[in-house]
């Protein structure tokens, strides 16, 4: 099993309910594609180091997960790039 960390930033202009829906949606994308989420952290709203898409802050989330293959990771990456509610995301493979 490979371990990964995924950090992503959600738009600050969304309502609290919409932000939760985005997080749950991406959580479901990972689990339905064979990944097991080990830990998830809501890091709250933080100011960005630089403006992204005319936004100065965003809601940060960190998922730690494990997967047998990279199917779930590739699907998360694909959909995060398409989704307008995620400003940025970073996927890191954890070396054991």
C-alpha atoms as a PDB file:
ATOM      1  CA  UNK A   1       0.000   0.000   0.000  1.00  0.00           C
ATOM      2  CA  UNK A   2       1.252   3.440  -0.944  1.00  0.00           C
ATOM      3  CA  UNK A   3       0.575   6.409   1.292  1.00  0.00           C
ATOM      4  CA  UNK A   4      -0.259   9.886   0.037  1.00  0.00           C
ATOM      5  CA  UNK A   5      -1.031  13.321   1.422  1.00  0.00           C
ATOM      6  CA  UNK A   6      -3.409  15.579  -0.435  1.00  0.00           C
ATOM      7  CA  UNK A   7      -3.712  19.219   0.511  1.00  0.00           C
ATOM      8  CA  UNK A   8      -6.288  21.343  -1.224  1.00  0.00           C
ATOM      9  CA  UNK A   9      -7.662  24.852  -0.869  1.00  0.00           C
ATOM     10  CA  UNK A  10     -11.387  25.566  -1.251  1.00  0.00           C
ATOM     11  CA  UNK A  11     -12.774  28.950  -2.361  1.00  0.00           C
ATOM     12  CA  UNK A  12     -13.542  31.289   0.559  1.00  0.00           C
ATOM     13  CA  UNK A  13     -16.615  32.713  -1.211  1.00  0.00           C
ATOM     14  CA  UNK A  14     -18.655  29.501  -0.740  1.00  0.00           C
ATOM     15  CA  UNK A  15     -21.121  29.030   2.085  1.00  0.00           C
ATOM     16  CA  UNK A  16     -20.180  26.735   4.966  1.00  0.00           C
ATOM     17  CA  UNK A  17     -22.612  24.106   3.643  1.00  0.00           C
ATOM     18  CA  UNK A  18     -21.113  24.245   0.135  1.00  0.00           C
ATOM     19  CA  UNK A  19     -17.579  23.894   1.505  1.00  0.00           C
ATOM     20  CA  UNK A  20     -18.606  20.764   3.442  1.00  0.00           C
ATOM     21  CA  UNK A  21     -20.233  19.368   0.284  1.00  0.00           C
ATOM     22  CA  UNK A  22     -17.037  19.903  -1.738  1.00  0.00           C
ATOM     23  CA  UNK A  23     -14.932  18.136   0.916  1.00  0.00           C
ATOM     24  CA  UNK A  24     -17.371  15.214   1.245  1.00  0.00           C
ATOM     25  CA  UNK A  25     -17.613  14.919  -2.542  1.00  0.00           C
ATOM     26  CA  UNK A  26     -13.834  14.629  -2.953  1.00  0.00           C
ATOM     27  CA  UNK A  27     -13.636  12.266   0.006  1.00  0.00           C
ATOM     28  CA  UNK A  28     -16.177  10.024  -1.757  1.00  0.00           C
ATOM     29  CA  UNK A  29     -14.205  10.222  -5.004  1.00  0.00           C
ATOM     30  CA  UNK A  30     -11.131   8.885  -3.221  1.00  0.00           C
ATOM     31  CA  UNK A  31     -12.900   6.093  -1.335  1.00  0.00           C
ATOM     32  CA  UNK A  32     -14.975   4.960  -4.323  1.00  0.00           C
ATOM     33  CA  UNK A  33     -11.771   4.545  -6.323  1.00  0.00           C
ATOM     34  CA  UNK A  34     -10.145   2.254  -3.763  1.00  0.00           C
ATOM     35  CA  UNK A  35      -8.315   4.630  -1.423  1.00  0.00           C
ATOM     36  CA  UNK A  36      -8.590   4.425   2.358  1.00  0.00           C
ATOM     37  CA  UNK A  37      -8.543   7.763   4.172  1.00  0.00           C
ATOM     38  CA  UNK A  38      -6.397   7.473   7.289  1.00  0.00           C
ATOM     39  CA  UNK A  39      -6.667  11.034   8.544  1.00  0.00           C
ATOM     40  CA  UNK A  40      -8.369  14.245   7.488  1.00  0.00           C
ATOM     41  CA  UNK A  41      -7.737  17.680   8.886  1.00  0.00           C
ATOM     42  CA  UNK A  42      -9.710  20.870   8.485  1.00  0.00           C
ATOM     43  CA  UNK A  43      -6.996  23.491   8.812  1.00  0.00           C
ATOM     44  CA  UNK A  44      -9.426  26.401   8.591  1.00  0.00           C
ATOM     45  CA  UNK A  45      -9.330  29.599   6.611  1.00  0.00           C
ATOM     46  CA  UNK A  46      -5.867  30.994   5.987  1.00  0.00           C
ATOM     47  CA  UNK A  47      -4.486  33.887   4.030  1.00  0.00           C
ATOM     48  CA  UNK A  48      -2.735  32.871   0.814  1.00  0.00           C
ATOM     49  CA  UNK A  49       0.918  33.791   0.242  1.00  0.00           C
ATOM     50  CA  UNK A  50      -0.128  35.360  -3.050  1.00  0.00           C
ATOM     51  CA  UNK A  51      -3.405  36.058  -4.815  1.00  0.00           C
ATOM     52  CA  UNK A  52      -4.859  33.105  -6.747  1.00  0.00           C
ATOM     53  CA  UNK A  53      -7.759  33.763  -9.124  1.00  0.00           C
ATOM     54  CA  UNK A  54      -8.353  37.123  -7.384  1.00  0.00           C
ATOM     55  CA  UNK A  55      -8.729  35.421  -3.964  1.00  0.00           C
ATOM     56  CA  UNK A  56      -6.604  36.312  -0.977  1.00  0.00           C
ATOM     57  CA  UNK A  57      -7.616  33.461   1.359  1.00  0.00           C
ATOM     58  CA  UNK A  58      -8.997  29.942   1.273  1.00  0.00           C
ATOM     59  CA  UNK A  59     -10.063  26.973   3.387  1.00  0.00           C
ATOM     60  CA  UNK A  60      -7.263  24.430   3.719  1.00  0.00           C
ATOM     61  CA  UNK A  61      -7.833  20.663   4.009  1.00  0.00           C
ATOM     62  CA  UNK A  62      -5.320  17.836   4.394  1.00  0.00           C
ATOM     63  CA  UNK A  63      -6.083  14.168   3.696  1.00  0.00           C
ATOM     64  CA  UNK A  64      -3.689  11.334   4.517  1.00  0.00           C
ATOM     65  CA  UNK A  65      -4.607   8.176   2.661  1.00  0.00           C
ATOM     66  CA  UNK A  66      -3.352   4.867   1.372  1.00  0.00           C
ATOM     67  CA  UNK A  67      -4.089   3.109  -1.890  1.00  0.00           C
ATOM     68  CA  UNK A  68      -2.970   0.003  -3.769  1.00  0.00           C
ATOM     69  CA  UNK A  69      -2.647   1.862  -7.056  1.00  0.00           C
ATOM     70  CA  UNK A  70      -2.834   5.454  -8.245  1.00  0.00           C
ATOM     71  CA  UNK A  71      -6.349   5.240  -9.706  1.00  0.00           C
ATOM     72  CA  UNK A  72      -7.925   7.279  -6.863  1.00  0.00           C
ATOM     73  CA  UNK A  73      -5.098   9.818  -6.926  1.00  0.00           C
ATOM     74  CA  UNK A  74      -5.374  10.365 -10.687  1.00  0.00           C
ATOM     75  CA  UNK A  75      -9.156  10.746 -10.455  1.00  0.00           C
ATOM     76  CA  UNK A  76      -8.830  13.275  -7.587  1.00  0.00           C
ATOM     77  CA  UNK A  77      -6.252  15.213  -9.587  1.00  0.00           C
ATOM     78  CA  UNK A  78      -8.398  15.220 -12.732  1.00  0.00           C
ATOM     79  CA  UNK A  79     -11.558  16.375 -10.963  1.00  0.00           C
ATOM     80  CA  UNK A  80      -9.770  18.940  -8.773  1.00  0.00           C
ATOM     81  CA  UNK A  81      -8.381  20.604 -11.894  1.00  0.00           C
ATOM     82  CA  UNK A  82     -11.867  20.783 -13.429  1.00  0.00           C
ATOM     83  CA  UNK A  83     -13.725  21.851 -10.281  1.00  0.00           C
ATOM     84  CA  UNK A  84     -13.971  25.619  -9.886  1.00  0.00           C
ATOM     85  CA  UNK A  85     -14.412  25.375  -6.094  1.00  0.00           C
ATOM     86  CA  UNK A  86     -10.858  24.133  -5.496  1.00  0.00           C
ATOM     87  CA  UNK A  87      -8.287  26.881  -5.957  1.00  0.00           C
ATOM     88  CA  UNK A  88      -5.164  24.715  -5.631  1.00  0.00           C
ATOM     89  CA  UNK A  89      -4.228  21.175  -4.673  1.00  0.00           C
ATOM     90  CA  UNK A  90      -1.029  19.281  -3.985  1.00  0.00           C
ATOM     91  CA  UNK A  91      -0.572  15.513  -3.956  1.00  0.00           C
ATOM     92  CA  UNK A  92       2.489  14.100  -2.203  1.00  0.00           C
ATOM     93  CA  UNK A  93       3.562  10.458  -2.051  1.00  0.00           C
ATOM     94  CA  UNK A  94       4.865   9.521   1.400  1.00  0.00           C
ATOM     95  CA  UNK A  95       8.020   7.410   1.198  1.00  0.00           C
ATOM     96  CA  UNK A  96       8.256   4.769   3.922  1.00  0.00           C
END
